[in-house]
C-alpha atoms as a PDB file:
ATOM      1  CA  MET A   1      12.439  -0.456  -8.667  1.00  0.00           C
ATOM      2  CA  SER A   2      10.189   0.282 -11.610  1.00  0.00           C
ATOM      3  CA  SER A   3       6.841   1.933 -11.073  1.00  0.00           C
ATOM      4  CA  VAL A   4       3.517   0.153 -11.467  1.00  0.00           C
ATOM      5  CA  THR A   5      -0.076   1.363 -11.566  1.00  0.00           C
ATOM      6  CA  GLU A   6      -1.409   3.573  -8.781  1.00  0.00           C
ATOM      7  CA  GLY A   7      -4.700   1.648  -9.080  1.00  0.00           C
ATOM      8  CA  PRO A   8      -8.273   2.947  -9.029  1.00  0.00           C
ATOM      9  CA  TYR A   9      -8.437   4.093  -5.387  1.00  0.00           C
ATOM     10  CA  TYR A  10      -5.974   6.978  -5.159  1.00  0.00           C
ATOM     11  CA  LEU A  11      -7.038  10.231  -3.472  1.00  0.00           C
ATOM     12  CA  ASP A  12      -5.175  13.547  -3.270  1.00  0.00           C
ATOM     13  CA  GLY A  13      -4.616  15.350   0.005  1.00  0.00           C
ATOM     14  CA  ALA A  14      -3.623  12.540   2.378  1.00  0.00           C
ATOM     15  CA  LEU A  15      -2.504  13.748   5.803  1.00  0.00           C
ATOM     16  CA  VAL A  16       1.098  13.809   7.039  1.00  0.00           C
ATOM     17  CA  ARG A  17       0.989  11.437  10.025  1.00  0.00           C
ATOM     18  CA  LYS A  18       2.603   8.284  11.359  1.00  0.00           C
ATOM     19  CA  ASP A  19      -0.544   6.502  12.562  1.00  0.00           C
ATOM     20  CA  ILE A  20      -3.076   6.112   9.753  1.00  0.00           C
ATOM     21  CA  THR A  21      -5.429   3.582  11.365  1.00  0.00           C
ATOM     22  CA  GLU A  22      -8.132   5.999  12.606  1.00  0.00           C
ATOM     23  CA  GLY A  23      -9.472   3.253  14.845  1.00  0.00           C
ATOM     24  CA  LYS A  24      -9.805   0.674  12.070  1.00  0.00           C
ATOM     25  CA  SER A  25      -9.598  -2.797  13.597  1.00  0.00           C
ATOM     26  CA  GLY A  26      -7.074  -5.343  12.396  1.00  0.00           C
ATOM     27  CA  VAL A  27      -3.702  -6.915  13.099  1.00  0.00           C
ATOM     28  CA  PRO A  28      -1.155  -4.151  13.849  1.00  0.00           C
ATOM     29  CA  LEU A  29       1.490  -3.460  11.216  1.00  0.00           C
ATOM     30  CA  THR A  30       4.515  -1.222  11.693  1.00  0.00           C
ATOM     31  CA  LEU A  31       5.824  -0.384   8.229  1.00  0.00           C
ATOM     32  CA  SER A  32       9.398   0.885   7.784  1.00  0.00           C
ATOM     33  CA  LEU A  33      10.458   2.042   4.323  1.00  0.00           C
ATOM     34  CA  THR A  34      13.898   3.347   3.359  1.00  0.00           C
ATOM     35  CA  VAL A  35      14.142   5.637   0.333  1.00  0.00           C
ATOM     36  CA  VAL A  36      17.507   5.628  -1.449  1.00  0.00           C
ATOM     37  CA  ASP A  37      18.844   7.258  -4.602  1.00  0.00           C
ATOM     38  CA  ALA A  38      19.365   4.408  -7.053  1.00  0.00           C
ATOM     39  CA  THR A  39      21.404   6.713  -9.308  1.00  0.00           C
ATOM     40  CA  ASP A  40      23.887   7.723  -6.593  1.00  0.00           C
ATOM     41  CA  GLY A  41      25.155   4.639  -4.793  1.00  0.00           C
ATOM     42  CA  CYS A  42      21.935   4.093  -2.845  1.00  0.00           C
ATOM     43  CA  THR A  43      22.442   7.146  -0.663  1.00  0.00           C
ATOM     44  CA  PRO A  44      19.466   8.002   1.589  1.00  0.00           C
ATOM     45  CA  VAL A  45      16.972  10.532   0.200  1.00  0.00           C
ATOM     46  CA  LYS A  46      16.420  12.801   3.188  1.00  0.00           C
ATOM     47  CA  GLY A  47      13.151  14.714   3.032  1.00  0.00           C
ATOM     48  CA  ALA A  48      11.438  12.389   0.557  1.00  0.00           C
ATOM     49  CA  ALA A  49       7.712  12.187   1.226  1.00  0.00           C
ATOM     50  CA  VAL A  50       6.399   8.638   1.226  1.00  0.00           C
ATOM     51  CA  GLU A  51       2.662   8.210   0.772  1.00  0.00           C
ATOM     52  CA  ILE A  52       0.777   4.963   1.385  1.00  0.00           C
ATOM     53  CA  TRP A  53      -2.833   3.869   1.114  1.00  0.00           C
ATOM     54  CA  HIS A  54      -4.552   0.509   1.435  1.00  0.00           C
ATOM     55  CA  CYS A  55      -7.861  -1.173   2.132  1.00  0.00           C
ATOM     56  CA  ASP A  56      -9.214  -2.096   5.557  1.00  0.00           C
ATOM     57  CA  ALA A  57      -9.578  -5.600   6.988  1.00  0.00           C
ATOM     58  CA  TRP A  58     -12.642  -6.277   4.821  1.00  0.00           C
ATOM     59  CA  GLY A  59     -11.303  -4.815   1.590  1.00  0.00           C
ATOM     60  CA  TYR A  60     -12.833  -1.321   1.671  1.00  0.00           C
ATOM     61  CA  TYR A  61     -10.913   1.857   0.767  1.00  0.00           C
ATOM     62  CA  SER A  62     -11.649   5.213   2.348  1.00  0.00           C
ATOM     63  CA  GLY A  63     -13.302   7.480  -0.185  1.00  0.00           C
ATOM     64  CA  TYR A  64     -14.758   4.464  -1.995  1.00  0.00           C
ATOM     65  CA  THR A  65     -16.750   2.768   0.741  1.00  0.00           C
ATOM     66  CA  THR A  66     -19.612   1.915  -1.624  1.00  0.00           C
ATOM     67  CA  ALA A  67     -17.275  -0.252  -3.710  1.00  0.00           C
ATOM     68  CA  GLY A  68     -17.841  -3.892  -2.746  1.00  0.00           C
ATOM     69  CA  PRO A  69     -14.657  -5.942  -2.174  1.00  0.00           C
ATOM     70  CA  GLY A  70     -16.193  -9.079  -3.698  1.00  0.00           C
ATOM     71  CA  GLY A  71     -16.947 -12.383  -2.009  1.00  0.00           C
ATOM     72  CA  SER A  72     -19.127 -12.314   1.086  1.00  0.00           C
ATOM     73  CA  VAL A  73     -18.345  -9.405   3.379  1.00  0.00           C
ATOM     74  CA  PRO A  74     -20.172  -7.243   5.936  1.00  0.00           C
ATOM     75  CA  ALA A  75     -21.128  -3.703   5.023  1.00  0.00           C
ATOM     76  CA  GLU A  76     -18.288  -1.253   5.687  1.00  0.00           C
ATOM     77  CA  SER A  77     -20.495   0.687   8.089  1.00  0.00           C
ATOM     78  CA  GLU A  78     -20.957  -2.355  10.348  1.00  0.00           C
ATOM     79  CA  GLU A  79     -17.516  -2.003  11.904  1.00  0.00           C
ATOM     80  CA  GLY A  80     -18.748   0.918  13.990  1.00  0.00           C
ATOM     81  CA  ASP A  81     -15.396   2.617  14.484  1.00  0.00           C
ATOM     82  CA  SER A  82     -14.551   6.305  14.465  1.00  0.00           C
ATOM     83  CA  ALA A  83     -12.736   6.303  11.126  1.00  0.00           C
ATOM     84  CA  ASP A  84     -13.310   9.099   8.634  1.00  0.00           C
ATOM     85  CA  ASP A  85     -14.656   7.468   5.477  1.00  0.00           C
ATOM     86  CA  ASN A  86     -12.521   9.779   3.343  1.00  0.00           C
ATOM     87  CA  THR A  87      -9.152   9.466   5.095  1.00  0.00           C
ATOM     88  CA  TYR A  88      -8.643   6.171   6.946  1.00  0.00           C
ATOM     89  CA  LEU A  89      -5.575   4.097   6.058  1.00  0.00           C
ATOM     90  CA  ARG A  90      -4.000   6.889   4.006  1.00  0.00           C
ATOM     91  CA  GLY A  91      -1.051   9.081   4.930  1.00  0.00           C
ATOM     92  CA  TYR A  92       2.361  10.655   4.308  1.00  0.00           C
ATOM     93  CA  GLN A  93       5.599  10.549   6.246  1.00  0.00           C
ATOM     94  CA  ILE A  94       8.758  12.580   5.587  1.00  0.00           C
ATOM     95  CA  ALA A  95      12.015  10.624   5.411  1.00  0.00           C
ATOM     96  CA  ASN A  96      14.629  11.316   8.089  1.00  0.00           C
ATOM     97  CA  ALA A  97      18.369  11.729   7.507  1.00  0.00           C
ATOM     98  CA  HIS A  98      18.636   7.992   6.901  1.00  0.00           C
ATOM     99  CA  GLY A  99      15.876   8.037   4.292  1.00  0.00           C
ATOM    100  CA  VAL A 100      13.541   6.144   6.623  1.00  0.00           C
ATOM    101  CA  VAL A 101       9.809   6.590   7.203  1.00  0.00           C
ATOM    102  CA  ARG A 102       7.628   4.595   9.590  1.00  0.00           C
ATOM    103  CA  PHE A 103       3.885   4.098   9.599  1.00  0.00           C
ATOM    104  CA  GLU A 104       1.600   2.542  12.170  1.00  0.00           C
ATOM    105  CA  THR A 105      -1.305   0.831  10.435  1.00  0.00           C
ATOM    106  CA  ILE A 106      -3.073  -2.527  10.171  1.00  0.00           C
ATOM    107  CA  PHE A 107      -2.457  -5.532   7.951  1.00  0.00           C
ATOM    108  CA  PRO A 108      -4.580  -4.886   4.828  1.00  0.00           C
ATOM    109  CA  GLY A 109      -7.437  -7.134   3.844  1.00  0.00           C
ATOM    110  CA  TRP A 110      -8.148  -8.061   0.234  1.00  0.00           C
ATOM    111  CA  TYR A 111     -10.605  -7.490  -2.578  1.00  0.00           C
ATOM    112  CA  VAL A 112     -11.375  -9.300  -5.828  1.00  0.00           C
ATOM    113  CA  PRO A 113      -9.324  -9.865  -7.949  1.00  0.00           C
ATOM    114  CA  ARG A 114      -6.188  -8.645  -6.140  1.00  0.00           C
ATOM    115  CA  THR A 115      -3.795 -10.167  -3.647  1.00  0.00           C
ATOM    116  CA  CYS A 116      -3.125  -8.353  -0.356  1.00  0.00           C
ATOM    117  CA  HIS A 117      -1.133  -5.163  -1.014  1.00  0.00           C
ATOM    118  CA  ILE A 118      -0.292  -1.585  -0.006  1.00  0.00           C
ATOM    119  CA  HIS A 119       0.040   1.250  -2.513  1.00  0.00           C
ATOM    120  CA  VAL A 120       3.024   3.577  -2.210  1.00  0.00           C
ATOM    121  CA  LYS A 121       4.331   6.765  -3.803  1.00  0.00           C
ATOM    122  CA  ALA A 122       7.637   8.553  -3.180  1.00  0.00           C
ATOM    123  CA  HIS A 123       7.646  12.337  -3.718  1.00  0.00           C
ATOM    124  CA  THR A 124      10.497  14.853  -3.682  1.00  0.00           C
ATOM    125  CA  GLY A 125      10.749  18.627  -4.025  1.00  0.00           C
ATOM    126  CA  GLY A 126       7.517  19.528  -2.232  1.00  0.00           C
ATOM    127  CA  GLN A 127       6.764  20.591   1.317  1.00  0.00           C
ATOM    128  CA  LYS A 128       4.340  20.019   4.161  1.00  0.00           C
ATOM    129  CA  GLU A 129       1.474  22.484   3.951  1.00  0.00           C
ATOM    130  CA  ASP A 130      -1.876  22.569   5.765  1.00  0.00           C
ATOM    131  CA  GLY A 131      -1.337  19.081   7.164  1.00  0.00           C
ATOM    132  CA  THR A 132      -0.629  17.435   3.819  1.00  0.00           C
ATOM    133  CA  TYR A 133       2.217  17.456   1.267  1.00  0.00           C
ATOM    134  CA  GLU A 134       2.133  19.904  -1.625  1.00  0.00           C
ATOM    135  CA  GLY A 135       4.228  20.463  -4.744  1.00  0.00           C
ATOM    136  CA  GLY A 136       7.259  18.608  -5.988  1.00  0.00           C
ATOM    137  CA  LYS A 137       6.928  15.521  -8.137  1.00  0.00           C
ATOM    138  CA  VAL A 138       6.237  11.820  -7.809  1.00  0.00           C
ATOM    139  CA  ASN A 139       9.413   9.826  -8.448  1.00  0.00           C
ATOM    140  CA  TYR A 140       8.029   6.390  -7.774  1.00  0.00           C
ATOM    141  CA  THR A 141       4.632   4.669  -7.700  1.00  0.00           C
ATOM    142  CA  GLY A 142       4.474   1.070  -6.606  1.00  0.00           C
ATOM    143  CA  GLN A 143       2.825  -1.600  -4.516  1.00  0.00           C
ATOM    144  CA  LEU A 144       3.998  -3.565  -1.486  1.00  0.00           C
ATOM    145  CA  PHE A 145       3.123  -7.240  -1.081  1.00  0.00           C
ATOM    146  CA  PHE A 146       2.843  -9.917   1.624  1.00  0.00           C
ATOM    147  CA  ASP A 147       3.810 -13.582   1.486  1.00  0.00           C
ATOM    148  CA  ASP A 148       0.886 -15.999   1.154  1.00  0.00           C
ATOM    149  CA  ASP A 149       1.525 -17.911   4.397  1.00  0.00           C
ATOM    150  CA  THR A 150       1.419 -14.780   6.530  1.00  0.00           C
ATOM    151  CA  ALA A 151      -1.618 -13.402   4.730  1.00  0.00           C
ATOM    152  CA  GLU A 152      -3.575 -16.630   5.145  1.00  0.00           C
ATOM    153  CA  ALA A 153      -2.745 -16.774   8.857  1.00  0.00           C
ATOM    154  CA  ILE A 154      -3.988 -13.207   9.267  1.00  0.00           C
ATOM    155  CA  PHE A 155      -7.154 -13.744   7.258  1.00  0.00           C
ATOM    156  CA  ALA A 156      -8.207 -16.587   9.568  1.00  0.00           C
ATOM    157  CA  LEU A 157      -8.459 -14.034  12.394  1.00  0.00           C
ATOM    158  CA  GLU A 158     -11.210 -11.534  13.176  1.00  0.00           C
ATOM    159  CA  PRO A 159     -12.255  -9.186  11.699  1.00  0.00           C
ATOM    160  CA  TYR A 160     -10.675 -10.482   8.464  1.00  0.00           C
ATOM    161  CA  ALA A 161     -12.426 -13.863   8.704  1.00  0.00           C
ATOM    162  CA  LYS A 162     -15.806 -12.207   8.114  1.00  0.00           C
ATOM    163  CA  HIS A 163     -14.724 -11.677   4.490  1.00  0.00           C
ATOM    164  CA  THR A 164     -15.100 -14.995   2.699  1.00  0.00           C
ATOM    165  CA  GLY A 165     -14.539 -15.938  -0.913  1.00  0.00           C
ATOM    166  CA  THR A 166     -11.639 -16.603  -3.249  1.00  0.00           C
ATOM    167  CA  TYR A 167      -8.435 -14.859  -2.173  1.00  0.00           C
ATOM    168  CA  THR A 168      -5.868 -14.210  -4.921  1.00  0.00           C
ATOM    169  CA  LYS A 169      -2.414 -15.563  -4.074  1.00  0.00           C
ATOM    170  CA  LEU A 170       0.795 -13.847  -5.130  1.00  0.00           C
ATOM    171  CA  ALA A 171       1.428 -16.147  -8.084  1.00  0.00           C
ATOM    172  CA  ASP A 172      -1.996 -15.311  -9.529  1.00  0.00           C
ATOM    173  CA  ASP A 173      -1.909 -11.548  -8.959  1.00  0.00           C
ATOM    174  CA  MET A 174      -2.001  -9.293 -12.017  1.00  0.00           C
ATOM    175  CA  VAL A 175       0.563  -6.796 -10.672  1.00  0.00           C
ATOM    176  CA  TYR A 176       3.098  -8.763  -8.584  1.00  0.00           C
ATOM    177  CA  ASP A 177       5.589 -10.333 -11.007  1.00  0.00           C
ATOM    178  CA  GLY A 178       7.399 -12.772  -8.720  1.00  0.00           C
ATOM    179  CA  GLY A 179      10.564 -10.756  -8.233  1.00  0.00           C
ATOM    180  CA  GLY A 180      10.608 -10.814  -4.444  1.00  0.00           C
ATOM    181  CA  ALA A 181      11.857  -7.668  -2.735  1.00  0.00           C
ATOM    182  CA  SER A 182      12.672  -6.068  -6.090  1.00  0.00           C
ATOM    183  CA  SER A 183       8.963  -6.350  -6.938  1.00  0.00           C
ATOM    184  CA  GLY A 184       7.760  -4.985  -3.594  1.00  0.00           C
ATOM    185  CA  LEU A 185       7.611  -8.119  -1.418  1.00  0.00           C
ATOM    186  CA  LEU A 186       7.958  -6.950   2.168  1.00  0.00           C
ATOM    187  CA  THR A 187      10.243  -8.510   4.748  1.00  0.00           C
ATOM    188  CA  LEU A 188       7.925  -9.405   7.638  1.00  0.00           C
ATOM    189  CA  LYS A 189       8.750 -10.153  11.274  1.00  0.00           C
ATOM    190  CA  ALA A 190       6.094 -11.268  13.722  1.00  0.00           C
ATOM    191  CA  VAL A 191       5.945  -9.396  17.007  1.00  0.00           C
ATOM    192  CA  HIS A 192       5.115 -12.749  18.647  1.00  0.00           C
ATOM    193  CA  LYS A 193       5.983 -15.823  16.559  1.00  0.00           C
ATOM    194  CA  LYS A 194       3.204 -17.970  17.989  1.00  0.00           C
ATOM    195  CA  ASP A 195       0.501 -15.323  17.968  1.00  0.00           C
ATOM    196  CA  PRO A 196      -0.008 -13.518  14.629  1.00  0.00           C
ATOM    197  CA  SER A 197      -2.703 -11.324  16.176  1.00  0.00           C
ATOM    198  CA  LYS A 198       0.022  -9.401  18.042  1.00  0.00           C
ATOM    199  CA  GLY A 199       1.140  -7.836  14.801  1.00  0.00           C
ATOM    200  CA  TYR A 200       4.007  -7.605  12.367  1.00  0.00           C
ATOM    201  CA  LYS A 201       6.886  -5.361  11.396  1.00  0.00           C
ATOM    202  CA  GLY A 202       7.298  -4.915   7.642  1.00  0.00           C
ATOM    203  CA  SER A 203      10.261  -3.352   5.874  1.00  0.00           C
ATOM    204  CA  LEU A 204      11.581  -2.652   2.392  1.00  0.00           C
ATOM    205  CA  THR A 205      14.056  -0.366   0.621  1.00  0.00           C
ATOM    206  CA  LEU A 206      12.738   1.752  -2.249  1.00  0.00           C
ATOM    207  CA  GLY A 207      15.338   2.667  -4.852  1.00  0.00           C
ATOM    208  CA  ILE A 208      14.240   5.787  -6.746  1.00  0.00           C
ATOM    209  CA  ASP A 209      15.593   8.246  -9.293  1.00  0.00           C
ATOM    210  CA  PRO A 210      15.001  11.720  -7.768  1.00  0.00           C
ATOM    211  CA  ASP A 211      15.146  13.276 -11.237  1.00  0.00           C
ATOM    212  CA  ALA A 212      12.511  10.988 -12.730  1.00  0.00           C
ATOM    213  CA  GLU A 213       8.757  11.382 -12.591  1.00  0.00           C
ATOM    214  CA  ASN A 214       6.319   8.481 -12.533  1.00  0.00           C
ATOM    215  CA  THR A 215       2.847   8.979 -11.105  1.00  0.00           C
ATOM    216  CA  GLY A 216       1.538   5.561 -12.140  1.00  0.00           C
ATOM    217  CA  ALA A 217      -1.612   7.260 -13.400  1.00  0.00           C
ATOM    218  CA  GLY A 218      -2.907   5.739 -16.588  1.00  0.00           C
ATOM    219  CA  SER A 219      -0.738   2.651 -16.227  1.00  0.00           C
ATOM    220  CA  ALA A 220      -2.399  -0.643 -17.016  1.00  0.00           C
ATOM    221  CA  GLY A 221      -3.077  -3.106 -14.267  1.00  0.00           C
ATOM    222  CA  GLY A 222      -4.463  -2.905 -10.776  1.00  0.00           C
ATOM    223  CA  GLY A 223      -7.626  -4.807 -11.484  1.00  0.00           C
ATOM    224  CA  THR A 224     -11.114  -3.977 -12.560  1.00  0.00           C
ATOM    225  CA  PRO A 225     -12.570  -1.922  -9.722  1.00  0.00           C
ATOM    226  CA  PRO A 226     -15.522  -3.515  -7.905  1.00  0.00           C
ATOM    227  CA  SER A 227     -18.953  -1.990  -8.326  1.00  0.00           C
ATOM    228  CA  GLY A 228     -19.111   1.472  -6.826  1.00  0.00           C
ATOM    229  CA  ALA A 229     -15.612   2.502  -7.893  1.00  0.00           C
ATOM    230  CA  PRO A 230     -15.098   5.389 -10.324  1.00  0.00           C
ATOM    231  CA  SER A 231     -16.109   4.582 -13.880  1.00  0.00           C
ATOM    232  CA  ASP A 232     -12.852   6.026 -15.226  1.00  0.00           C
ATOM    233  CA  ALA A 233     -10.653   3.852 -12.997  1.00  0.00           C
ATOM    234  CA  PRO A 234      -7.857   1.987 -14.814  1.00  0.00           C
ATOM    235  CA  THR A 235      -8.575  -1.601 -15.746  1.00  0.00           C
ATOM    236  CA  GLY A 236      -6.877  -4.456 -17.523  1.00  0.00           C
ATOM    237  CA  THR A 237      -3.659  -6.392 -17.115  1.00  0.00           C
ATOM    238  CA  PRO A 238      -0.240  -4.911 -16.323  1.00  0.00           C
ATOM    239  CA  PRO A 239       2.448  -4.450 -18.979  1.00  0.00           C
ATOM    240  CA  SER A 240       5.126  -7.110 -19.043  1.00  0.00           C
ATOM    241  CA  ASP A 241       7.675  -4.610 -17.773  1.00  0.00           C
ATOM    242  CA  SER A 242       5.549  -3.477 -14.839  1.00  0.00           C
ATOM    243  CA  ALA A 243       8.359  -4.322 -12.436  1.00  0.00           C
ATOM    244  CA  SER A 244      12.056  -4.933 -12.719  1.00  0.00           C
ATOM    245  CA  PRO A 245      14.943  -5.707 -10.366  1.00  0.00           C
ATOM    246  CA  SER A 246      15.380  -3.133  -7.636  1.00  0.00           C
ATOM    247  CA  ALA A 247      18.255  -0.752  -7.714  1.00  0.00           C
ATOM    248  CA  SER A 248      18.154  -0.543  -3.951  1.00  0.00           C
ATOM    249  CA  SER A 249      21.158  -1.591  -1.957  1.00  0.00           C
END
C-alpha cells in the first residue's frame, strides 16, 4: 500500500493504549489491523507500532477543537464528556506475533470537504517510552475508509445526526482513489445486523516495507483545513499516485 498525506491534524506523543475513546460518545468500533512485510512474502511484522487518529462524532479533532468541521454542528464543548481535548481518539498499539493490533474507538464523524476516515501510521525500530512510542521510523502513512451505506446509516444516529450539511461520499473524496482494500477501504461487520448503534468491527491488512520511510508530511491532499486549523497545514489535491494496489496478502 502506498502512503498518502498525514493531513493537517497530526500530533506527536500519542499514548500507547487500546481504548482511545476517552468517553467520547458514538457508535463503537473495534479496529483490527494486521501489519505485514510486503517485501518478504507478507510475513507478520511483530513489534510494529501502529498509530491512529480521527475526528469525533461531530468532526472535531483533539488538539484542534477550535477548527470548525463545516456544515451545522454543535460546539465541541457541548458534548460534556471527560475527554482530554489534546488526546482523545489518538493512540498507538504494538503488533503481536501475528502482526495484529486492535483498537477500541468510535465510528468517526466527518468534516468538510472529506469523507469519513481514520488516519494511520506504521512505525518500526522504536520503543515504548513514558507511555508513548519513541524513535524508529515511519514506514507507512495512510488513511482508512468506510463504505457510504454504513456511514450514512451511522450518521442518521445520535450524536452524529446533530452535524448537518453536505457529506462527501467516497467517489468524491480527494484522497480515496477507488481501489477498495488496497486504497484503505475497511472490511466492516456489524455487531448486530439490524441495529447499527451496537457497533462495528473493522479490519484491514497493511502491507509495508520495513526498510522504507514515509511520514506523509508535506504530501499533497487531505483537504483545506477548516478555520482554526494551523495555517501551515497541507492543502490542495492529492497526487495521482497517492495510492496503489496493496502488497498485502
